[in-house]
């Protein structure tokens, strides 16, 4: 009985953790924020950053080629299937900045978007 309870606790913790962005430290001490792309969504859909704080966006495709396009911050990347692409970002202005997939990936492609929110 004790073992099954332990497994249940681990399963709940894993499910809760899957909803939050994975944040680790990069080589230069920057936060590394993982954003997963999969038909037809990004996870997480929203990332909050601090103005002036350098971060690495680690973009990972879980199924096929996707695009990551955020014109307002001048970022464009192609994410290959089962690969990661790293982009260093130092936000220099506050606000809400939309990103979207710019490589057609099927019927729900138009809804594949997200945002980065930069705060003081």
N, C-alpha and C. Protein backbone atom coordinates (compact mmCIF):
# COMPACT_ATOMS: atom_id res chain seq x y z
N UNK A 1 0.83 -1.19 0.00
CA UNK A 1 0.00 0.00 0.00
C UNK A 1 0.87 1.25 0.00
N UNK A 2 1.95 1.27 0.79
CA UNK A 2 2.83 2.43 0.84
C UNK A 2 3.47 2.74 -0.50
N UNK A 3 3.84 1.68 -1.23
CA UNK A 3 4.48 1.87 -2.53
C UNK A 3 3.54 2.52 -3.52
N UNK A 4 2.28 2.10 -3.57
CA UNK A 4 1.34 2.68 -4.53
C UNK A 4 1.08 4.15 -4.21
N UNK A 5 1.08 4.50 -2.93
CA UNK A 5 0.89 5.89 -2.55
C UNK A 5 2.08 6.73 -3.01
N UNK A 6 3.30 6.18 -2.87
CA UNK A 6 4.50 6.88 -3.33
C UNK A 6 4.44 7.12 -4.84
N UNK A 7 3.99 6.13 -5.60
CA UNK A 7 3.88 6.28 -7.04
C UNK A 7 2.85 7.33 -7.41
N UNK A 8 1.75 7.37 -6.64
CA UNK A 8 0.71 8.36 -6.91
C UNK A 8 1.26 9.78 -6.67
N UNK A 9 2.01 9.97 -5.61
CA UNK A 9 2.60 11.27 -5.32
C UNK A 9 3.55 11.68 -6.44
N UNK A 10 4.37 10.75 -6.91
CA UNK A 10 5.30 11.04 -8.02
C UNK A 10 4.54 11.39 -9.29
N UNK A 11 3.46 10.69 -9.58
CA UNK A 11 2.69 10.95 -10.79
C UNK A 11 2.05 12.33 -10.73
N UNK A 12 1.52 12.72 -9.59
CA UNK A 12 0.92 14.05 -9.45
C UNK A 12 1.99 15.12 -9.57
N UNK A 13 3.13 14.93 -8.96
CA UNK A 13 4.22 15.90 -9.04
C UNK A 13 4.69 16.06 -10.48
N UNK A 14 4.78 14.96 -11.20
CA UNK A 14 5.20 15.02 -12.60
C UNK A 14 4.18 15.77 -13.44
N UNK A 15 2.91 15.54 -13.20
CA UNK A 15 1.86 16.22 -13.97
C UNK A 15 1.87 17.72 -13.69
N UNK A 16 2.04 18.10 -12.45
CA UNK A 16 2.09 19.52 -12.10
C UNK A 16 3.34 20.16 -12.70
N UNK A 17 4.45 19.48 -12.62
CA UNK A 17 5.69 20.00 -13.18
C UNK A 17 5.63 20.15 -14.68
N UNK A 18 4.89 19.30 -15.36
CA UNK A 18 4.81 19.36 -16.82
C UNK A 18 4.11 20.63 -17.28
N UNK A 19 3.28 21.22 -16.45
CA UNK A 19 2.56 22.43 -16.84
C UNK A 19 3.41 23.67 -16.69
N UNK A 20 4.49 23.62 -15.91
CA UNK A 20 5.34 24.78 -15.68
C UNK A 20 6.55 24.72 -16.61
N UNK A 21 7.07 25.90 -17.01
CA UNK A 21 8.25 25.89 -17.87
C UNK A 21 9.45 25.32 -17.12
N UNK A 22 10.25 24.56 -17.84
CA UNK A 22 11.47 24.02 -17.27
C UNK A 22 12.51 25.13 -17.30
N UNK A 23 13.05 25.47 -16.15
CA UNK A 23 14.04 26.54 -16.05
C UNK A 23 15.29 25.97 -15.39
N UNK A 24 16.42 26.08 -16.10
CA UNK A 24 17.71 25.67 -15.58
C UNK A 24 18.68 26.81 -15.83
N UNK A 25 19.94 26.61 -15.55
CA UNK A 25 20.96 27.63 -15.79
C UNK A 25 21.84 27.22 -16.96
N UNK A 26 22.16 28.19 -17.82
CA UNK A 26 23.03 27.95 -18.96
C UNK A 26 24.49 28.09 -18.58
N UNK A 27 25.37 28.00 -19.57
CA UNK A 27 26.81 28.07 -19.35
C UNK A 27 27.24 29.38 -18.71
N UNK A 28 26.61 30.48 -19.06
CA UNK A 28 26.97 31.79 -18.53
C UNK A 28 26.09 32.19 -17.34
N UNK A 29 25.33 31.26 -16.79
CA UNK A 29 24.49 31.54 -15.65
C UNK A 29 23.11 32.07 -16.01
N UNK A 30 22.83 32.24 -17.30
CA UNK A 30 21.50 32.70 -17.70
C UNK A 30 20.46 31.62 -17.43
N UNK A 31 19.24 32.07 -17.17
CA UNK A 31 18.15 31.11 -17.06
C UNK A 31 17.90 30.53 -18.44
N UNK A 32 17.69 29.23 -18.50
CA UNK A 32 17.31 28.56 -19.74
C UNK A 32 15.84 28.19 -19.60
N UNK A 33 15.02 28.72 -20.50
CA UNK A 33 13.59 28.48 -20.45
C UNK A 33 13.20 27.63 -21.64
N UNK A 34 12.70 26.45 -21.37
CA UNK A 34 12.31 25.50 -22.42
C UNK A 34 10.89 25.79 -22.89
N UNK A 35 10.74 25.94 -24.20
CA UNK A 35 9.44 26.11 -24.82
C UNK A 35 9.27 24.98 -25.82
N UNK A 36 8.27 24.12 -25.60
CA UNK A 36 8.04 22.98 -26.47
C UNK A 36 7.00 23.31 -27.53
N UNK A 37 7.30 22.92 -28.76
CA UNK A 37 6.37 23.10 -29.88
C UNK A 37 5.85 21.73 -30.30
N UNK A 38 4.55 21.66 -30.46
CA UNK A 38 3.91 20.42 -30.91
C UNK A 38 2.58 20.81 -31.52
N UNK A 39 2.20 20.11 -32.63
CA UNK A 39 0.94 20.47 -33.28
C UNK A 39 -0.14 20.66 -32.25
N UNK A 40 -0.79 21.61 -32.08
CA UNK A 40 -0.82 22.96 -32.58
C UNK A 40 -0.67 23.92 -31.43
N UNK A 41 0.39 23.75 -30.65
CA UNK A 41 0.56 24.57 -29.46
C UNK A 41 2.02 24.69 -29.05
N UNK A 42 2.26 25.72 -28.25
CA UNK A 42 3.53 25.88 -27.55
C UNK A 42 3.23 25.67 -26.07
N UNK A 43 4.17 25.05 -25.37
CA UNK A 43 4.05 24.90 -23.92
C UNK A 43 5.33 25.40 -23.29
N UNK A 44 5.28 26.35 -22.41
CA UNK A 44 4.10 27.10 -22.02
C UNK A 44 3.71 28.10 -23.10
N UNK A 45 2.47 28.55 -23.05
CA UNK A 45 1.99 29.56 -24.00
C UNK A 45 2.46 30.95 -23.60
N UNK A 46 2.75 31.14 -22.33
CA UNK A 46 3.20 32.45 -21.86
C UNK A 46 4.41 32.31 -20.96
N UNK A 47 5.40 33.17 -21.20
CA UNK A 47 6.63 33.19 -20.42
C UNK A 47 6.81 34.62 -19.91
N UNK A 48 7.09 34.77 -18.62
CA UNK A 48 7.31 36.09 -18.04
C UNK A 48 8.81 36.27 -17.80
N UNK A 49 9.34 37.38 -18.31
CA UNK A 49 10.75 37.70 -18.18
C UNK A 49 10.91 39.07 -17.55
N UNK A 50 12.10 39.34 -17.00
CA UNK A 50 12.42 40.65 -16.45
C UNK A 50 13.21 41.44 -17.48
N UNK A 51 12.87 42.71 -17.59
CA UNK A 51 13.60 43.60 -18.49
C UNK A 51 15.08 43.62 -18.10
N UNK A 52 15.95 43.45 -19.09
CA UNK A 52 17.39 43.50 -18.86
C UNK A 52 18.02 42.21 -18.39
N UNK A 53 17.22 41.20 -18.04
CA UNK A 53 17.77 39.92 -17.57
C UNK A 53 18.02 39.00 -18.76
N UNK A 54 19.27 38.61 -19.00
CA UNK A 54 19.54 37.70 -20.12
C UNK A 54 18.99 36.30 -19.85
N UNK A 55 18.38 35.72 -20.86
CA UNK A 55 17.84 34.37 -20.78
C UNK A 55 18.17 33.63 -22.07
N UNK A 56 18.10 32.32 -22.00
CA UNK A 56 18.21 31.48 -23.18
C UNK A 56 16.84 30.83 -23.39
N UNK A 57 16.25 31.03 -24.55
CA UNK A 57 15.03 30.32 -24.92
C UNK A 57 15.46 29.04 -25.60
N UNK A 58 15.11 27.91 -25.03
CA UNK A 58 15.42 26.61 -25.63
C UNK A 58 14.13 26.11 -26.28
N UNK A 59 14.09 26.19 -27.60
CA UNK A 59 12.90 25.81 -28.37
C UNK A 59 13.06 24.36 -28.81
N UNK A 60 12.07 23.53 -28.49
CA UNK A 60 12.15 22.10 -28.77
C UNK A 60 10.89 21.67 -29.50
N UNK A 61 11.06 20.98 -30.63
CA UNK A 61 9.92 20.41 -31.34
C UNK A 61 9.73 18.96 -30.93
N UNK A 62 8.50 18.62 -30.58
CA UNK A 62 8.21 17.25 -30.16
C UNK A 62 7.66 16.38 -31.29
N UNK A 63 7.49 16.96 -32.50
CA UNK A 63 6.88 16.14 -33.54
C UNK A 63 7.36 16.41 -34.97
N UNK A 64 7.53 17.64 -35.37
CA UNK A 64 7.85 17.97 -36.76
C UNK A 64 8.52 19.32 -36.81
N UNK A 65 8.81 19.82 -38.00
CA UNK A 65 9.40 21.15 -38.13
C UNK A 65 8.35 22.20 -37.80
N UNK A 66 8.73 23.13 -36.94
CA UNK A 66 7.89 24.27 -36.59
C UNK A 66 8.74 25.53 -36.73
N UNK A 67 8.06 26.64 -36.84
CA UNK A 67 8.73 27.93 -36.82
C UNK A 67 8.46 28.62 -35.50
N UNK A 68 9.32 29.56 -35.15
CA UNK A 68 9.13 30.42 -33.97
C UNK A 68 9.42 31.82 -34.45
N UNK A 69 8.37 32.62 -34.56
CA UNK A 69 8.50 33.95 -35.10
C UNK A 69 7.94 34.97 -34.12
N UNK A 70 8.79 35.88 -33.68
CA UNK A 70 8.39 36.95 -32.77
C UNK A 70 8.92 38.28 -33.34
N UNK A 71 8.20 38.83 -34.33
CA UNK A 71 8.68 40.01 -35.04
C UNK A 71 8.98 41.21 -34.14
N UNK A 72 8.18 41.41 -33.09
CA UNK A 72 8.35 42.59 -32.25
C UNK A 72 9.67 42.60 -31.49
N UNK A 73 10.29 41.44 -31.31
CA UNK A 73 11.61 41.37 -30.68
C UNK A 73 12.69 40.91 -31.66
N UNK A 74 12.32 40.80 -32.93
CA UNK A 74 13.30 40.46 -33.96
C UNK A 74 13.83 39.04 -33.88
N UNK A 75 12.99 38.11 -33.47
CA UNK A 75 13.43 36.71 -33.33
C UNK A 75 12.71 35.84 -34.34
N UNK A 76 13.46 35.01 -35.05
CA UNK A 76 12.91 34.03 -36.00
C UNK A 76 13.80 32.80 -35.96
N UNK A 77 13.20 31.63 -35.77
CA UNK A 77 13.97 30.39 -35.74
C UNK A 77 13.15 29.26 -36.32
N UNK A 78 13.84 28.30 -36.87
CA UNK A 78 13.22 27.05 -37.32
C UNK A 78 13.60 25.98 -36.31
N UNK A 79 12.61 25.19 -35.89
CA UNK A 79 12.84 24.15 -34.89
C UNK A 79 12.65 22.80 -35.56
N UNK A 80 13.73 22.05 -35.71
CA UNK A 80 13.66 20.74 -36.34
C UNK A 80 13.02 19.72 -35.42
N UNK A 81 12.48 18.64 -36.00
CA UNK A 81 11.84 17.62 -35.18
C UNK A 81 12.83 16.97 -34.22
N UNK A 82 12.40 16.88 -32.95
CA UNK A 82 13.16 16.23 -31.89
C UNK A 82 14.53 16.89 -31.68
N UNK A 83 14.61 18.19 -31.99
CA UNK A 83 15.84 18.95 -31.81
C UNK A 83 15.53 20.18 -30.98
N UNK A 84 16.58 20.78 -30.44
CA UNK A 84 16.39 22.04 -29.72
C UNK A 84 17.20 23.13 -30.41
N UNK A 85 16.65 24.32 -30.35
CA UNK A 85 17.30 25.52 -30.88
C UNK A 85 17.37 26.51 -29.73
N UNK A 86 18.56 27.04 -29.49
CA UNK A 86 18.73 27.99 -28.38
C UNK A 86 18.91 29.40 -28.92
N UNK A 87 18.19 30.33 -28.28
CA UNK A 87 18.25 31.74 -28.64
C UNK A 87 18.51 32.54 -27.37
N UNK A 88 19.54 33.36 -27.39
CA UNK A 88 19.81 34.23 -26.25
C UNK A 88 18.99 35.50 -26.42
N UNK A 89 18.35 35.93 -25.35
CA UNK A 89 17.48 37.10 -25.39
C UNK A 89 17.74 37.95 -24.16
N UNK A 90 17.93 39.26 -24.39
CA UNK A 90 18.01 40.23 -23.30
C UNK A 90 16.93 41.26 -23.59
N UNK A 91 15.75 41.11 -22.98
CA UNK A 91 14.65 42.03 -23.27
C UNK A 91 15.01 43.46 -22.85
N UNK A 92 14.84 44.40 -23.77
CA UNK A 92 15.20 45.79 -23.46
C UNK A 92 13.98 46.71 -23.34
N UNK A 93 12.78 46.12 -23.41
CA UNK A 93 11.56 46.91 -23.24
C UNK A 93 10.50 46.02 -22.61
N UNK A 94 9.59 46.67 -21.88
CA UNK A 94 8.52 45.94 -21.23
C UNK A 94 7.33 45.83 -22.18
N UNK A 95 6.46 44.86 -21.89
CA UNK A 95 5.25 44.70 -22.69
C UNK A 95 4.94 43.24 -22.94
N UNK A 96 3.93 43.04 -23.79
CA UNK A 96 3.50 41.69 -24.19
C UNK A 96 3.89 41.50 -25.65
N UNK A 97 4.64 40.45 -25.94
CA UNK A 97 5.17 40.22 -27.27
C UNK A 97 4.71 38.85 -27.77
N UNK A 98 3.94 38.86 -28.83
CA UNK A 98 3.37 37.62 -29.38
C UNK A 98 4.40 36.88 -30.22
N UNK A 99 4.33 35.54 -30.16
CA UNK A 99 5.09 34.70 -31.08
C UNK A 99 4.14 33.69 -31.69
N UNK A 100 4.52 33.16 -32.86
CA UNK A 100 3.66 32.20 -33.54
C UNK A 100 4.49 31.27 -34.41
N UNK A 101 3.88 30.16 -34.78
CA UNK A 101 4.52 29.23 -35.72
C UNK A 101 4.30 29.79 -37.12
N UNK A 102 5.38 29.90 -37.87
CA UNK A 102 5.26 30.43 -39.23
C UNK A 102 5.59 29.36 -40.30
N UNK A 103 5.52 28.10 -39.89
CA UNK A 103 5.68 27.00 -40.86
C UNK A 103 4.43 26.15 -40.76
N UNK A 104 3.66 26.10 -41.83
CA UNK A 104 2.37 25.42 -41.80
C UNK A 104 2.53 24.00 -41.27
N UNK A 105 1.71 23.67 -40.26
CA UNK A 105 1.83 22.36 -39.60
C UNK A 105 0.49 21.63 -39.50
N UNK A 106 -0.51 22.06 -40.25
CA UNK A 106 -1.78 21.35 -40.26
C UNK A 106 -2.95 22.25 -39.94
N UNK A 107 -4.10 21.62 -39.72
CA UNK A 107 -5.36 22.32 -39.56
C UNK A 107 -5.44 23.30 -38.41
N UNK A 108 -4.72 23.11 -37.35
CA UNK A 108 -4.77 24.03 -36.21
C UNK A 108 -3.62 25.03 -36.18
N UNK A 109 -2.90 25.12 -37.29
CA UNK A 109 -1.71 25.97 -37.37
C UNK A 109 -1.99 27.42 -36.97
N UNK A 110 -3.11 27.97 -37.41
CA UNK A 110 -3.41 29.39 -37.15
C UNK A 110 -3.54 29.70 -35.67
N UNK A 111 -3.82 28.71 -34.84
CA UNK A 111 -3.95 28.94 -33.41
C UNK A 111 -2.66 28.68 -32.63
N UNK A 112 -1.59 28.32 -33.34
CA UNK A 112 -0.34 27.99 -32.66
C UNK A 112 0.44 29.27 -32.37
N UNK A 113 0.22 29.80 -31.17
CA UNK A 113 0.88 31.04 -30.79
C UNK A 113 1.09 31.09 -29.29
N UNK A 114 1.75 32.13 -28.86
CA UNK A 114 2.02 32.34 -27.45
C UNK A 114 2.52 33.76 -27.25
N UNK A 115 3.02 34.04 -26.05
CA UNK A 115 3.50 35.38 -25.77
C UNK A 115 4.59 35.37 -24.72
N UNK A 116 5.45 36.37 -24.83
CA UNK A 116 6.44 36.65 -23.80
C UNK A 116 6.04 37.98 -23.17
N UNK A 117 5.94 37.98 -21.87
CA UNK A 117 5.60 39.19 -21.12
C UNK A 117 6.86 39.66 -20.42
N UNK A 118 7.27 40.89 -20.69
CA UNK A 118 8.46 41.45 -20.07
C UNK A 118 8.03 42.49 -19.05
N UNK A 119 8.47 42.32 -17.80
CA UNK A 119 8.12 43.21 -16.71
C UNK A 119 9.38 43.91 -16.19
N UNK A 120 9.18 44.99 -15.45
CA UNK A 120 10.30 45.72 -14.83
C UNK A 120 11.00 44.88 -13.81
